[in-house]
Amino acid sequence: MALNIKDPETEKAVRTLAKRRGLSLTEAVRQAVSSELGKDELSGDEKARRIAESKLWLAEFYKKYDIKPAERSLTKDEMDDIIGYDENGMW
């Protein structure tokens, strides 16, 4: 499967990276994307810690401001209605 980069700035950046590192264009893209994806990954323990920390913060926030948690989340359509978007995304 081919990747067609139509943005001249992006193409120049990939070519610069490849030249600096002595890589093919494909390998330059592979390494850059792998590096960025690696930054997004968290260990299972870190994810669990952050979730627990967030839940604790939220519980304290609700208690501090005497807020009753919502019984359900709004749907996208309900949110769009509140904002005033129509079927074309305009208000």
Protein backbone atom coordinates (compact mmCIF):
# COMPACT_ATOMS: atom_id res chain seq x y z
CA MET A 1 0.00 0.00 0.00
CA ALA A 2 1.43 3.35 -1.02
CA LEU A 3 1.51 6.56 0.95
CA ASN A 4 1.23 9.70 -1.14
CA ILE A 5 2.37 12.86 0.64
CA LYS A 6 0.90 15.88 -1.10
CA ASP A 7 2.13 18.53 1.31
CA PRO A 8 5.48 20.01 0.15
CA GLU A 9 6.48 21.02 3.68
CA THR A 10 5.94 17.49 5.00
CA GLU A 11 7.79 15.97 2.05
CA LYS A 12 10.73 18.32 2.64
CA ALA A 13 10.82 17.40 6.35
CA VAL A 14 10.84 13.67 5.57
CA ARG A 15 13.59 14.12 3.00
CA THR A 16 15.65 16.19 5.46
CA LEU A 17 15.28 13.56 8.18
CA ALA A 18 16.20 10.76 5.76
CA LYS A 19 19.27 12.61 4.50
CA ARG A 20 20.51 13.53 8.00
CA ARG A 21 20.21 9.94 9.20
CA GLY A 22 21.25 8.21 5.99
CA LEU A 23 17.90 6.46 5.65
CA SER A 24 15.49 5.70 2.87
CA LEU A 25 12.34 7.83 2.82
CA THR A 26 10.32 4.82 3.94
CA GLU A 27 12.62 4.12 6.87
CA ALA A 28 12.63 7.79 7.89
CA VAL A 29 8.83 7.82 7.99
CA ARG A 30 8.74 4.46 9.82
CA GLN A 31 11.16 5.63 12.51
CA ALA A 32 9.46 9.01 12.97
CA VAL A 33 6.00 7.46 13.29
CA SER A 34 7.26 4.73 15.63
CA SER A 35 8.88 7.37 17.81
CA GLU A 36 5.66 9.39 18.04
CA LEU A 37 3.54 6.32 18.73
CA GLY A 38 5.92 5.30 21.48
CA LYS A 39 5.35 8.63 23.21
CA ASP A 40 1.62 7.91 23.32
CA GLU A 41 1.96 4.49 24.90
CA LEU A 42 1.71 4.14 28.65
CA SER A 43 2.29 1.04 30.71
CA GLY A 44 -0.75 -0.70 32.17
CA ASP A 45 0.30 0.40 35.65
CA GLU A 46 0.65 4.04 34.56
CA LYS A 47 -2.78 3.99 32.89
CA ALA A 48 -4.35 2.48 36.01
CA ARG A 49 -2.61 5.05 38.23
CA ARG A 50 -3.81 7.97 36.10
CA ILE A 51 -7.38 6.63 35.96
CA ALA A 52 -7.47 6.13 39.74
CA GLU A 53 -6.02 9.60 40.30
CA SER A 54 -8.63 11.14 37.97
CA LYS A 55 -11.50 9.31 39.64
CA LEU A 56 -10.32 10.48 43.06
CA TRP A 57 -9.99 14.08 41.85
CA LEU A 58 -13.46 13.97 40.33
CA ALA A 59 -15.01 12.49 43.49
CA GLU A 60 -13.39 15.24 45.58
CA PHE A 61 -14.59 17.88 43.12
CA TYR A 62 -18.17 16.58 43.28
CA LYS A 63 -18.04 16.55 47.07
CA LYS A 64 -16.49 20.02 47.36
CA TYR A 65 -19.13 21.63 45.15
CA ASP A 66 -22.00 19.38 46.22
CA ILE A 67 -22.52 18.08 42.69
CA LYS A 68 -24.52 14.97 41.93
CA PRO A 69 -22.85 12.98 39.12
CA ALA A 70 -24.85 12.67 35.92
CA GLU A 71 -26.85 9.48 35.57
CA ARG A 72 -25.91 9.21 31.90
CA SER A 73 -23.81 10.94 29.27
CA LEU A 74 -25.36 13.14 26.62
CA THR A 75 -25.48 11.78 23.09
CA LYS A 76 -23.76 13.63 20.26
CA ASP A 77 -27.16 14.72 18.93
CA GLU A 78 -28.12 16.11 22.36
CA MET A 79 -24.85 18.04 22.58
CA ASP A 80 -25.33 19.39 19.04
CA ASP A 81 -28.86 20.53 19.97
CA ILE A 82 -27.56 22.38 23.03
CA ILE A 83 -24.89 24.12 20.97
CA GLY A 84 -27.39 24.80 18.22
CA TYR A 85 -25.80 22.91 15.33
CA ASP A 86 -28.03 21.92 12.44
CA GLU A 87 -27.57 18.94 10.09
CA ASN A 88 -24.83 20.88 8.25
CA GLY A 89 -22.84 21.63 11.40
CA MET A 90 -23.83 25.29 11.38
CA TRP A 91 -25.65 27.32 14.04
